[in-house]
Amino acid sequence: MGDMVLPTQGQLLRIFVNEVDKHKGLPTYEWILGEARRQGLAGATVLRGLQGFGAHSHVHTAKVLRLSADLPIIIEIVDTTEKIEAFLPSIEEAVPEGLATLEKVDIRFYRSRK
């Protein structure tokens, strides 16, 4: 198992979009994930929320017997401050409606089984 080199201080970028949002013919979350990979960011995870509401106060929910296609999606990306700051402008146009947050994180380890 090899540890990859990242500094001990980094940033967590969290982007909140809706599952139905599209950008360049793809779901927005898929496009953002691809862009993060193209730009060589350390890693990204896409999470689907069970319920949520945003600026419009419209509740998006997954109820039993109904598979909603408009659930909240959260994309989390951790990397160096420099790489996250360079990445943000490239996804600005992909999120006409949503939320992006940044927070400082302590990186304890970053490992791969390769």
PDB file of N, CA and C in Angstrom:
ATOM      1  N   MET A   1       0.856  -1.178   0.000  1.00  0.00           N
ATOM      2  CA  MET A   1       0.000   0.000   0.000  1.00  0.00           C
ATOM      3  C   MET A   1       0.895   1.232   0.000  1.00  0.00           C
ATOM      4  N   GLY A   2       0.749   2.092  -0.996  1.00  0.00           N
ATOM      5  CA  GLY A   2       1.597   3.263  -1.062  1.00  0.00           C
ATOM      6  C   GLY A   2       0.862   4.529  -0.672  1.00  0.00           C
ATOM      7  N   ASP A   3       1.479   5.337   0.179  1.00  0.00           N
ATOM      8  CA  ASP A   3       0.890   6.623   0.520  1.00  0.00           C
ATOM      9  C   ASP A   3       1.221   7.609  -0.593  1.00  0.00           C
ATOM     10  N   MET A   4       0.217   8.318  -1.055  1.00  0.00           N
ATOM     11  CA  MET A   4       0.439   9.339  -2.075  1.00  0.00           C
ATOM     12  C   MET A   4       0.754  10.634  -1.350  1.00  0.00           C
ATOM     13  N   VAL A   5       1.475  11.493  -1.981  1.00  0.00           N
ATOM     14  CA  VAL A   5       1.928  12.702  -1.309  1.00  0.00           C
ATOM     15  C   VAL A   5       0.911  13.832  -1.457  1.00  0.00           C
ATOM     16  N   LEU A   6       0.331  14.215  -0.343  1.00  0.00           N
ATOM     17  CA  LEU A   6      -0.522  15.406  -0.255  1.00  0.00           C
ATOM     18  C   LEU A   6      -0.047  16.131   0.997  1.00  0.00           C
ATOM     19  N   PRO A   7      -0.150  17.441   1.017  1.00  0.00           N
ATOM     20  CA  PRO A   7       0.249  18.145   2.244  1.00  0.00           C
ATOM     21  C   PRO A   7      -0.731  17.810   3.367  1.00  0.00           C
ATOM     22  N   THR A   8      -0.388  18.166   4.584  1.00  0.00           N
ATOM     23  CA  THR A   8      -1.271  17.865   5.711  1.00  0.00           C
ATOM     24  C   THR A   8      -2.462  18.819   5.767  1.00  0.00           C
ATOM     25  N   GLN A   9      -2.356  19.960   5.096  1.00  0.00           N
ATOM     26  CA  GLN A   9      -3.464  20.919   5.046  1.00  0.00           C
ATOM     27  C   GLN A   9      -4.032  20.950   3.631  1.00  0.00           C
ATOM     28  N   GLY A  10      -5.338  20.923   3.525  1.00  0.00           N
ATOM     29  CA  GLY A  10      -5.969  20.985   2.215  1.00  0.00           C
ATOM     30  C   GLY A  10      -7.331  21.637   2.312  1.00  0.00           C
ATOM     31  N   GLN A  11      -8.124  21.460   1.272  1.00  0.00           N
ATOM     32  CA  GLN A  11      -9.478  22.005   1.274  1.00  0.00           C
ATOM     33  C   GLN A  11     -10.464  20.946   0.830  1.00  0.00           C
ATOM     34  N   LEU A  12     -11.657  21.031   1.394  1.00  0.00           N
ATOM     35  CA  LEU A  12     -12.778  20.200   0.987  1.00  0.00           C
ATOM     36  C   LEU A  12     -13.745  21.099   0.238  1.00  0.00           C
ATOM     37  N   LEU A  13     -13.965  20.774  -1.029  1.00  0.00           N
ATOM     38  CA  LEU A  13     -14.952  21.482  -1.845  1.00  0.00           C
ATOM     39  C   LEU A  13     -16.184  20.610  -1.875  1.00  0.00           C
ATOM     40  N   ARG A  14     -17.321  21.189  -1.503  1.00  0.00           N
ATOM     41  CA  ARG A  14     -18.590  20.457  -1.516  1.00  0.00           C
ATOM     42  C   ARG A  14     -19.528  21.200  -2.456  1.00  0.00           C
ATOM     43  N   ILE A  15     -20.055  20.496  -3.444  1.00  0.00           N
ATOM     44  CA  ILE A  15     -20.955  21.109  -4.426  1.00  0.00           C
ATOM     45  C   ILE A  15     -22.304  20.414  -4.324  1.00  0.00           C
ATOM     46  N   PHE A  16     -23.352  21.197  -4.132  1.00  0.00           N
ATOM     47  CA  PHE A  16     -24.709  20.679  -4.007  1.00  0.00           C
ATOM     48  C   PHE A  16     -25.478  20.995  -5.276  1.00  0.00           C
ATOM     49  N   VAL A  17     -25.996  19.968  -5.941  1.00  0.00           N
ATOM     50  CA  VAL A  17     -26.809  20.140  -7.147  1.00  0.00           C
ATOM     51  C   VAL A  17     -28.006  19.190  -7.040  1.00  0.00           C
ATOM     52  N   ASN A  18     -28.901  19.259  -8.016  1.00  0.00           N
ATOM     53  CA  ASN A  18     -30.013  18.314  -8.076  1.00  0.00           C
ATOM     54  C   ASN A  18     -29.673  17.208  -9.053  1.00  0.00           C
ATOM     55  N   GLU A  19     -30.213  16.044  -8.797  1.00  0.00           N
ATOM     56  CA  GLU A  19     -29.953  14.882  -9.620  1.00  0.00           C
ATOM     57  C   GLU A  19     -30.333  15.104 -11.087  1.00  0.00           C
ATOM     58  N   VAL A  20     -31.376  15.897 -11.330  1.00  0.00           N
ATOM     59  CA  VAL A  20     -31.861  16.106 -12.703  1.00  0.00           C
ATOM     60  C   VAL A  20     -31.078  17.173 -13.463  1.00  0.00           C
ATOM     61  N   ASP A  21     -30.225  17.939 -12.763  1.00  0.00           N
ATOM     62  CA  ASP A  21     -29.463  18.996 -13.423  1.00  0.00           C
ATOM     63  C   ASP A  21     -28.532  18.403 -14.481  1.00  0.00           C
ATOM     64  N   LYS A  22     -28.450  19.091 -15.618  1.00  0.00           N
ATOM     65  CA  LYS A  22     -27.605  18.626 -16.725  1.00  0.00           C
ATOM     66  C   LYS A  22     -26.620  19.717 -17.141  1.00  0.00           C
ATOM     67  N   HIS A  23     -25.473  19.268 -17.664  1.00  0.00           N
ATOM     68  CA  HIS A  23     -24.490  20.186 -18.235  1.00  0.00           C
ATOM     69  C   HIS A  23     -23.812  19.468 -19.402  1.00  0.00           C
ATOM     70  N   LYS A  24     -23.831  20.090 -20.556  1.00  0.00           N
ATOM     71  CA  LYS A  24     -23.231  19.514 -21.765  1.00  0.00           C
ATOM     72  C   LYS A  24     -23.720  18.080 -22.028  1.00  0.00           C
ATOM     73  N   GLY A  25     -25.019  17.870 -21.826  1.00  0.00           N
ATOM     74  CA  GLY A  25     -25.636  16.582 -22.124  1.00  0.00           C
ATOM     75  C   GLY A  25     -25.462  15.500 -21.078  1.00  0.00           C
ATOM     76  N   LEU A  26     -24.751  15.798 -20.004  1.00  0.00           N
ATOM     77  CA  LEU A  26     -24.529  14.809 -18.933  1.00  0.00           C
ATOM     78  C   LEU A  26     -25.176  15.308 -17.643  1.00  0.00           C
ATOM     79  N   PRO A  27     -25.482  14.391 -16.712  1.00  0.00           N
ATOM     80  CA  PRO A  27     -25.874  14.877 -15.387  1.00  0.00           C
ATOM     81  C   PRO A  27     -24.741  15.765 -14.856  1.00  0.00           C
ATOM     82  N   THR A  28     -25.089  16.878 -14.240  1.00  0.00           N
ATOM     83  CA  THR A  28     -24.082  17.838 -13.764  1.00  0.00           C
ATOM     84  C   THR A  28     -23.038  17.175 -12.871  1.00  0.00           C
ATOM     85  N   TYR A  29     -23.496  16.315 -11.966  1.00  0.00           N
ATOM     86  CA  TYR A  29     -22.542  15.673 -11.047  1.00  0.00           C
ATOM     87  C   TYR A  29     -21.541  14.803 -11.809  1.00  0.00           C
ATOM     88  N   GLU A  30     -21.988  14.148 -12.870  1.00  0.00           N
ATOM     89  CA  GLU A  30     -21.104  13.296 -13.671  1.00  0.00           C
ATOM     90  C   GLU A  30     -20.086  14.151 -14.428  1.00  0.00           C
ATOM     91  N   TRP A  31     -20.545  15.274 -14.962  1.00  0.00           N
ATOM     92  CA  TRP A  31     -19.664  16.185 -15.694  1.00  0.00           C
ATOM     93  C   TRP A  31     -18.590  16.746 -14.753  1.00  0.00           C
ATOM     94  N   ILE A  32     -18.995  17.147 -13.543  1.00  0.00           N
ATOM     95  CA  ILE A  32     -18.049  17.710 -12.566  1.00  0.00           C
ATOM     96  C   ILE A  32     -17.021  16.650 -12.153  1.00  0.00           C
ATOM     97  N   LEU A  33     -17.485  15.427 -11.932  1.00  0.00           N
ATOM     98  CA  LEU A  33     -16.579  14.338 -11.571  1.00  0.00           C
ATOM     99  C   LEU A  33     -15.547  14.109 -12.679  1.00  0.00           C
ATOM    100  N   GLY A  34     -15.998  14.105 -13.921  1.00  0.00           N
ATOM    101  CA  GLY A  34     -15.092  13.929 -15.056  1.00  0.00           C
ATOM    102  C   GLY A  34     -14.087  15.058 -15.159  1.00  0.00           C
ATOM    103  N   GLU A  35     -14.554  16.267 -14.911  1.00  0.00           N
ATOM    104  CA  GLU A  35     -13.676  17.442 -14.961  1.00  0.00           C
ATOM    105  C   GLU A  35     -12.618  17.367 -13.858  1.00  0.00           C
ATOM    106  N   ALA A  36     -13.010  16.930 -12.673  1.00  0.00           N
ATOM    107  CA  ALA A  36     -12.064  16.780 -11.554  1.00  0.00           C
ATOM    108  C   ALA A  36     -10.988  15.756 -11.918  1.00  0.00           C
ATOM    109  N   ARG A  37     -11.400  14.704 -12.574  1.00  0.00           N
ATOM    110  CA  ARG A  37     -10.453  13.657 -12.988  1.00  0.00           C
ATOM    111  C   ARG A  37      -9.516  14.177 -14.076  1.00  0.00           C
ATOM    112  N   ARG A  38     -10.079  14.882 -15.049  1.00  0.00           N
ATOM    113  CA  ARG A  38      -9.266  15.465 -16.134  1.00  0.00           C
ATOM    114  C   ARG A  38      -8.211  16.425 -15.590  1.00  0.00           C
ATOM    115  N   GLN A  39      -8.583  17.170 -14.539  1.00  0.00           N
ATOM    116  CA  GLN A  39      -7.645  18.152 -13.983  1.00  0.00           C
ATOM    117  C   GLN A  39      -6.707  17.545 -12.946  1.00  0.00           C
ATOM    118  N   GLY A  40      -6.792  16.231 -12.753  1.00  0.00           N
ATOM    119  CA  GLY A  40      -5.850  15.544 -11.873  1.00  0.00           C
ATOM    120  C   GLY A  40      -6.037  15.800 -10.393  1.00  0.00           C
ATOM    121  N   LEU A  41      -7.274  16.059  -9.967  1.00  0.00           N
ATOM    122  CA  LEU A  41      -7.507  16.261  -8.542  1.00  0.00           C
ATOM    123  C   LEU A  41      -7.364  14.920  -7.811  1.00  0.00           C
ATOM    124  N   ALA A  42      -7.051  14.987  -6.528  1.00  0.00           N
ATOM    125  CA  ALA A  42      -6.728  13.788  -5.747  1.00  0.00           C
ATOM    126  C   ALA A  42      -7.867  12.773  -5.728  1.00  0.00           C
ATOM    127  N   GLY A  43      -9.104  13.241  -5.676  1.00  0.00           N
ATOM    128  CA  GLY A  43     -10.237  12.323  -5.645  1.00  0.00           C
ATOM    129  C   GLY A  43     -11.537  13.072  -5.442  1.00  0.00           C
ATOM    130  N   ALA A  44     -12.635  12.419  -5.801  1.00  0.00           N
ATOM    131  CA  ALA A  44     -13.956  13.017  -5.645  1.00  0.00           C
ATOM    132  C   ALA A  44     -14.961  11.915  -5.356  1.00  0.00           C
ATOM    133  N   THR A  45     -15.985  12.255  -4.607  1.00  0.00           N
ATOM    134  CA  THR A  45     -17.045  11.315  -4.271  1.00  0.00           C
ATOM    135  C   THR A  45     -18.385  11.985  -4.534  1.00  0.00           C
ATOM    136  N   VAL A  46     -19.309  11.233  -5.128  1.00  0.00           N
ATOM    137  CA  VAL A  46     -20.661  11.743  -5.361  1.00  0.00           C
ATOM    138  C   VAL A  46     -21.596  11.028  -4.392  1.00  0.00           C
ATOM    139  N   LEU A  47     -22.352  11.806  -3.632  1.00  0.00           N
ATOM    140  CA  LEU A  47     -23.295  11.273  -2.651  1.00  0.00           C
ATOM    141  C   LEU A  47     -24.708  11.684  -3.029  1.00  0.00           C
ATOM    142  N   ARG A  48     -25.669  10.773  -2.844  1.00  0.00           N
ATOM    143  CA  ARG A  48     -27.069  11.094  -3.106  1.00  0.00           C
ATOM    144  C   ARG A  48     -27.772  11.303  -1.768  1.00  0.00           C
ATOM    145  N   GLY A  49     -28.441  12.430  -1.642  1.00  0.00           N
ATOM    146  CA  GLY A  49     -29.173  12.721  -0.414  1.00  0.00           C
ATOM    147  C   GLY A  49     -30.544  12.058  -0.420  1.00  0.00           C
ATOM    148  N   LEU A  50     -31.068  11.796   0.762  1.00  0.00           N
ATOM    149  CA  LEU A  50     -32.415  11.235   0.885  1.00  0.00           C
ATOM    150  C   LEU A  50     -33.477  12.320   0.843  1.00  0.00           C
ATOM    151  N   GLN A  51     -33.159  13.448   1.426  1.00  0.00           N
ATOM    152  CA  GLN A  51     -34.069  14.581   1.433  1.00  0.00           C
ATOM    153  C   GLN A  51     -33.252  15.857   1.491  1.00  0.00           C
ATOM    154  N   GLY A  52     -33.854  16.946   1.041  1.00  0.00           N
ATOM    155  CA  GLY A  52     -33.183  18.226   1.163  1.00  0.00           C
ATOM    156  C   GLY A  52     -34.017  19.328   0.551  1.00  0.00           C
ATOM    157  N   PHE A  53     -33.672  20.565   0.874  1.00  0.00           N
ATOM    158  CA  PHE A  53     -34.278  21.703   0.200  1.00  0.00           C
ATOM    159  C   PHE A  53     -33.237  22.789   0.091  1.00  0.00           C
ATOM    160  N   GLY A  54     -33.436  23.643  -0.899  1.00  0.00           N
ATOM    161  CA  GLY A  54     -32.449  24.682  -1.145  1.00  0.00           C
ATOM    162  C   GLY A  54     -33.086  26.047  -1.214  1.00  0.00           C
ATOM    163  N   ALA A  55     -32.571  26.877  -2.099  1.00  0.00           N
ATOM    164  CA  ALA A  55     -32.979  28.277  -2.195  1.00  0.00           C
ATOM    165  C   ALA A  55     -34.473  28.450  -2.453  1.00  0.00           C
ATOM    166  N   HIS A  56     -35.095  27.495  -3.154  1.00  0.00           N
ATOM    167  CA  HIS A  56     -36.527  27.626  -3.467  1.00  0.00           C
ATOM    168  C   HIS A  56     -37.420  27.043  -2.382  1.00  0.00           C
ATOM    169  N   SER A  57     -36.823  26.444  -1.336  1.00  0.00           N
ATOM    170  CA  SER A  57     -37.546  25.790  -0.244  1.00  0.00           C
ATOM    171  C   SER A  57     -38.422  24.632  -0.707  1.00  0.00           C
ATOM    172  N   HIS A  58     -38.184  24.146  -1.923  1.00  0.00           N
ATOM    173  CA  HIS A  58     -38.918  22.980  -2.428  1.00  0.00           C
ATOM    174  C   HIS A  58     -38.225  21.733  -1.890  1.00  0.00           C
ATOM    175  N   VAL A  59     -38.993  20.856  -1.213  1.00  0.00           N
ATOM    176  CA  VAL A  59     -38.394  19.661  -0.625  1.00  0.00           C
ATOM    177  C   VAL A  59     -38.239  18.574  -1.687  1.00  0.00           C
ATOM    178  N   HIS A  60     -37.030  18.070  -1.789  1.00  0.00           N
ATOM    179  CA  HIS A  60     -36.730  16.943  -2.685  1.00  0.00           C
ATOM    180  C   HIS A  60     -36.617  15.723  -1.780  1.00  0.00           C
ATOM    181  N   THR A  61     -37.359  14.687  -2.071  1.00  0.00           N
ATOM    182  CA  THR A  61     -37.383  13.539  -1.167  1.00  0.00           C
ATOM    183  C   THR A  61     -37.491  12.216  -1.907  1.00  0.00           C
ATOM    184  N   ALA A  62     -36.977  11.158  -1.285  1.00  0.00           N
ATOM    185  CA  ALA A  62     -37.134   9.793  -1.799  1.00  0.00           C
ATOM    186  C   ALA A  62     -38.052   9.074  -0.831  1.00  0.00           C
ATOM    187  N   LYS A  63     -39.307   8.957  -1.179  1.00  0.00           N
ATOM    188  CA  LYS A  63     -40.271   8.270  -0.314  1.00  0.00           C
ATOM    189  C   LYS A  63     -40.376   6.810  -0.748  1.00  0.00           C
ATOM    190  N   VAL A  64     -40.804   5.963   0.157  1.00  0.00           N
ATOM    191  CA  VAL A  64     -41.000   4.554  -0.148  1.00  0.00           C
ATOM    192  C   VAL A  64     -41.978   4.436  -1.319  1.00  0.00           C
ATOM    193  N   LEU A  65     -41.738   3.478  -2.207  1.00  0.00           N
ATOM    194  CA  LEU A  65     -42.559   3.222  -3.402  1.00  0.00           C
ATOM    195  C   LEU A  65     -42.422   4.293  -4.478  1.00  0.00           C
ATOM    196  N   ARG A  66     -41.548   5.249  -4.261  1.00  0.00           N
ATOM    197  CA  ARG A  66     -41.369   6.265  -5.294  1.00  0.00           C
ATOM    198  C   ARG A  66     -39.892   6.563  -5.422  1.00  0.00           C
ATOM    199  N   LEU A  67     -39.292   6.174  -6.531  1.00  0.00           N
ATOM    200  CA  LEU A  67     -37.878   6.468  -6.736  1.00  0.00           C
ATOM    201  C   LEU A  67     -37.773   7.838  -7.384  1.00  0.00           C
ATOM    202  N   SER A  68     -37.472   8.812  -6.591  1.00  0.00           N
ATOM    203  CA  SER A  68     -37.364  10.161  -7.111  1.00  0.00           C
ATOM    204  C   SER A  68     -36.147  10.286  -8.005  1.00  0.00           C
ATOM    205  N   ALA A  69     -36.280  11.063  -9.057  1.00  0.00           N
ATOM    206  CA  ALA A  69     -35.139  11.321  -9.938  1.00  0.00           C
ATOM    207  C   ALA A  69     -34.634  12.739  -9.711  1.00  0.00           C
ATOM    208  N   ASP A  70     -35.104  13.386  -8.648  1.00  0.00           N
ATOM    209  CA  ASP A  70     -34.692  14.763  -8.384  1.00  0.00           C
ATOM    210  C   ASP A  70     -34.208  14.901  -6.946  1.00  0.00           C
ATOM    211  N   LEU A  71     -33.294  14.015  -6.572  1.00  0.00           N
ATOM    212  CA  LEU A  71     -32.761  14.057  -5.214  1.00  0.00           C
ATOM    213  C   LEU A  71     -31.548  14.977  -5.152  1.00  0.00           C
ATOM    214  N   PRO A  72     -31.224  15.464  -3.938  1.00  0.00           N
ATOM    215  CA  PRO A  72     -30.017  16.281  -3.791  1.00  0.00           C
ATOM    216  C   PRO A  72     -28.778  15.422  -4.037  1.00  0.00           C
ATOM    217  N   ILE A  73     -27.813  15.978  -4.727  1.00  0.00           N
ATOM    218  CA  ILE A  73     -26.534  15.316  -4.988  1.00  0.00           C
ATOM    219  C   ILE A  73     -25.428  16.202  -4.416  1.00  0.00           C
ATOM    220  N   ILE A  74     -24.486  15.566  -3.715  1.00  0.00           N
ATOM    221  CA  ILE A  74     -23.347  16.293  -3.158  1.00  0.00           C
ATOM    222  C   ILE A  74     -22.081  15.702  -3.749  1.00  0.00           C
ATOM    223  N   ILE A  75     -21.244  16.555  -4.316  1.00  0.00           N
ATOM    224  CA  ILE A  75     -19.949  16.125  -4.838  1.00  0.00           C
ATOM    225  C   ILE A  75     -18.900  16.653  -3.865  1.00  0.00           C
ATOM    226  N   GLU A  76     -18.092  15.760  -3.308  1.00  0.00           N
ATOM    227  CA  GLU A  76     -17.040  16.165  -2.377  1.00  0.00           C
ATOM    228  C   GLU A  76     -15.684  15.922  -3.012  1.00  0.00           C
ATOM    229  N   ILE A  77     -14.841  16.950  -2.964  1.00  0.00           N
ATOM    230  CA  ILE A  77     -13.504  16.859  -3.550  1.00  0.00           C
ATOM    231  C   ILE A  77     -12.506  17.406  -2.532  1.00  0.00           C
ATOM    232  N   VAL A  78     -11.460  16.623  -2.254  1.00  0.00           N
ATOM    233  CA  VAL A  78     -10.406  17.065  -1.337  1.00  0.00           C
ATOM    234  C   VAL A  78      -9.098  17.150  -2.106  1.00  0.00           C
ATOM    235  N   ASP A  79      -8.408  18.247  -1.959  1.00  0.00           N
ATOM    236  CA  ASP A  79      -7.087  18.398  -2.559  1.00  0.00           C
ATOM    237  C   ASP A  79      -6.408  19.608  -1.924  1.00  0.00           C
ATOM    238  N   THR A  80      -5.297  20.020  -2.512  1.00  0.00           N
ATOM    239  CA  THR A  80      -4.584  21.196  -2.007  1.00  0.00           C
ATOM    240  C   THR A  80      -5.417  22.448  -2.293  1.00  0.00           C
ATOM    241  N   THR A  81      -5.176  23.479  -1.517  1.00  0.00           N
ATOM    242  CA  THR A  81      -5.872  24.752  -1.712  1.00  0.00           C
ATOM    243  C   THR A  81      -5.668  25.256  -3.136  1.00  0.00           C
ATOM    244  N   GLU A  82      -4.435  25.161  -3.637  1.00  0.00           N
ATOM    245  CA  GLU A  82      -4.109  25.668  -4.976  1.00  0.00           C
ATOM    246  C   GLU A  82      -4.910  24.932  -6.054  1.00  0.00           C
ATOM    247  N   LYS A  83      -4.981  23.607  -5.957  1.00  0.00           N
ATOM    248  CA  LYS A  83      -5.680  22.823  -6.979  1.00  0.00           C
ATOM    249  C   LYS A  83      -7.194  23.059  -6.927  1.00  0.00           C
ATOM    250  N   ILE A  84      -7.732  23.185  -5.717  1.00  0.00           N
ATOM    251  CA  ILE A  84      -9.176  23.445  -5.573  1.00  0.00           C
ATOM    252  C   ILE A  84      -9.505  24.834  -6.122  1.00  0.00           C
ATOM    253  N   GLU A  85      -8.680  25.823  -5.797  1.00  0.00           N
ATOM    254  CA  GLU A  85      -8.917  27.195  -6.273  1.00  0.00           C
ATOM    255  C   GLU A  85      -8.825  27.275  -7.795  1.00  0.00           C
ATOM    256  N   ALA A  86      -7.927  26.500  -8.385  1.00  0.00           N
ATOM    257  CA  ALA A  86      -7.780  26.480  -9.843  1.00  0.00           C
ATOM    258  C   ALA A  86      -8.954  25.749 -10.501  1.00  0.00           C
ATOM    259  N   PHE A  87      -9.531  24.787  -9.792  1.00  0.00           N
ATOM    260  CA  PHE A  87     -10.630  23.969 -10.315  1.00  0.00           C
ATOM    261  C   PHE A  87     -11.966  24.722 -10.319  1.00  0.00           C
ATOM    262  N   LEU A  88     -12.212  25.505  -9.287  1.00  0.00           N
ATOM    263  CA  LEU A  88     -13.503  26.188  -9.124  1.00  0.00           C
ATOM    264  C   LEU A  88     -13.983  26.978 -10.344  1.00  0.00           C
ATOM    265  N   PRO A  89     -13.152  27.832 -10.954  1.00  0.00           N
ATOM    266  CA  PRO A  89     -13.627  28.596 -12.109  1.00  0.00           C
ATOM    267  C   PRO A  89     -14.062  27.707 -13.278  1.00  0.00           C
ATOM    268  N   SER A  90     -13.454  26.529 -13.411  1.00  0.00           N
ATOM    269  CA  SER A  90     -13.772  25.666 -14.545  1.00  0.00           C
ATOM    270  C   SER A  90     -15.146  25.004 -14.417  1.00  0.00           C
ATOM    271  N   ILE A  91     -15.710  24.992 -13.213  1.00  0.00           N
ATOM    272  CA  ILE A  91     -17.032  24.381 -13.048  1.00  0.00           C
ATOM    273  C   ILE A  91     -18.133  25.407 -12.794  1.00  0.00           C
ATOM    274  N   GLU A  92     -17.745  26.670 -12.707  1.00  0.00           N
ATOM    275  CA  GLU A  92     -18.686  27.764 -12.413  1.00  0.00           C
ATOM    276  C   GLU A  92     -19.913  27.728 -13.321  1.00  0.00           C
ATOM    277  N   GLU A  93     -19.711  27.603 -14.622  1.00  0.00           N
ATOM    278  CA  GLU A  93     -20.822  27.626 -15.580  1.00  0.00           C
ATOM    279  C   GLU A  93     -21.682  26.364 -15.524  1.00  0.00           C
ATOM    280  N   ALA A  94     -21.158  25.284 -14.948  1.00  0.00           N
ATOM    281  CA  ALA A  94     -21.885  24.016 -14.873  1.00  0.00           C
ATOM    282  C   ALA A  94     -22.962  24.027 -13.793  1.00  0.00           C
ATOM    283  N   VAL A  95     -22.875  24.986 -12.872  1.00  0.00           N
ATOM    284  CA  VAL A  95     -23.811  25.033 -11.740  1.00  0.00           C
ATOM    285  C   VAL A  95     -24.560  26.367 -11.710  1.00  0.00           C
ATOM    286  N   PRO A  96     -25.564  26.535 -12.611  1.00  0.00           N
ATOM    287  CA  PRO A  96     -26.324  27.788 -12.590  1.00  0.00           C
ATOM    288  C   PRO A  96     -27.221  27.885 -11.355  1.00  0.00           C
ATOM    289  N   GLU A  97     -27.559  26.725 -10.766  1.00  0.00           N
ATOM    290  CA  GLU A  97     -28.361  26.700  -9.553  1.00  0.00           C
ATOM    291  C   GLU A  97     -27.778  25.634  -8.638  1.00  0.00           C
ATOM    292  N   GLY A  98     -27.391  26.029  -7.440  1.00  0.00           N
ATOM    293  CA  GLY A  98     -26.786  25.092  -6.511  1.00  0.00           C
ATOM    294  C   GLY A  98     -25.979  25.836  -5.479  1.00  0.00           C
ATOM    295  N   LEU A  99     -25.074  25.131  -4.834  1.00  0.00           N
ATOM    296  CA  LEU A  99     -24.282  25.708  -3.754  1.00  0.00           C
ATOM    297  C   LEU A  99     -22.909  25.056  -3.757  1.00  0.00           C
ATOM    298  N   ALA A 100     -21.887  25.856  -3.516  1.00  0.00           N
ATOM    299  CA  ALA A 100     -20.540  25.309  -3.363  1.00  0.00           C
ATOM    300  C   ALA A 100     -19.970  25.860  -2.058  1.00  0.00           C
ATOM    301  N   THR A 101     -19.383  24.976  -1.255  1.00  0.00           N
ATOM    302  CA  THR A 101     -18.763  25.409  -0.002  1.00  0.00           C
ATOM    303  C   THR A 101     -17.319  24.923   0.030  1.00  0.00           C
ATOM    304  N   LEU A 102     -16.506  25.642   0.759  1.00  0.00           N
ATOM    305  CA  LEU A 102     -15.089  25.295   0.933  1.00  0.00           C
ATOM    306  C   LEU A 102     -14.776  25.285   2.414  1.00  0.00           C
ATOM    307  N   GLU A 103     -14.041  24.284   2.845  1.00  0.00           N
ATOM    308  CA  GLU A 103     -13.556  24.318   4.220  1.00  0.00           C
ATOM    309  C   GLU A 103     -12.157  23.740   4.291  1.00  0.00           C
ATOM    310  N   LYS A 104     -11.408  24.220   5.278  1.00  0.00           N
ATOM    311  CA  LYS A 104     -10.054  23.720   5.473  1.00  0.00           C
ATOM    312  C   LYS A 104     -10.158  22.345   6.112  1.00  0.00           C
ATOM    313  N   VAL A 105      -9.307  21.435   5.654  1.00  0.00           N
ATOM    314  CA  VAL A 105      -9.288  20.089   6.230  1.00  0.00           C
ATOM    315  C   VAL A 105      -7.862  19.685   6.560  1.00  0.00           C
ATOM    316  N   ASP A 106      -7.736  18.838   7.580  1.00  0.00           N
ATOM    317  CA  ASP A 106      -6.461  18.209   7.920  1.00  0.00           C
ATOM    318  C   ASP A 106      -6.443  16.868   7.207  1.00  0.00           C
ATOM    319  N   ILE A 107      -5.442  16.654   6.372  1.00  0.00           N
ATOM    320  CA  ILE A 107      -5.322  15.393   5.643  1.00  0.00           C
ATOM    321  C   ILE A 107      -4.427  14.466   6.457  1.00  0.00           C
ATOM    322  N   ARG A 108      -4.987  13.360   6.917  1.00  0.00           N
ATOM    323  CA  ARG A 108      -4.250  12.430   7.773  1.00  0.00           C
ATOM    324  C   ARG A 108      -3.501  11.393   6.952  1.00  0.00           C
ATOM    325  N   PHE A 109      -4.149  10.830   5.936  1.00  0.00           N
ATOM    326  CA  PHE A 109      -3.468   9.954   5.001  1.00  0.00           C
ATOM    327  C   PHE A 109      -4.268   9.864   3.716  1.00  0.00           C
ATOM    328  N   TYR A 110      -3.586   9.451   2.647  1.00  0.00           N
ATOM    329  CA  TYR A 110      -4.185   9.296   1.330  1.00  0.00           C
ATOM    330  C   TYR A 110      -3.492   8.096   0.721  1.00  0.00           C
ATOM    331  N   ARG A 111      -4.177   6.945   0.697  1.00  0.00           N
ATOM    332  CA  ARG A 111      -3.518   5.687   0.342  1.00  0.00           C
ATOM    333  C   ARG A 111      -4.183   4.994  -0.823  1.00  0.00           C
ATOM    334  N   SER A 112      -3.384   4.191  -1.483  1.00  0.00           N
ATOM    335  CA  SER A 112      -3.851   3.358  -2.588  1.00  0.00           C
ATOM    336  C   SER A 112      -3.275   1.965  -2.408  1.00  0.00           C
ATOM    337  N   ARG A 113      -4.016   0.949  -2.799  1.00  0.00           N
ATOM    338  CA  ARG A 113      -3.516  -0.431  -2.661  1.00  0.00           C
ATOM    339  C   ARG A 113      -2.597  -0.841  -3.797  1.00  0.00           C
ATOM    340  N   LYS A 114      -2.383   0.050  -4.775  1.00  0.00           N
ATOM    341  CA  LYS A 114      -1.543  -0.285  -5.937  1.00  0.00           C
ATOM    342  C   LYS A 114      -0.133  -0.626  -5.524  1.00  0.00           C
TER     343      LYS A 114
END
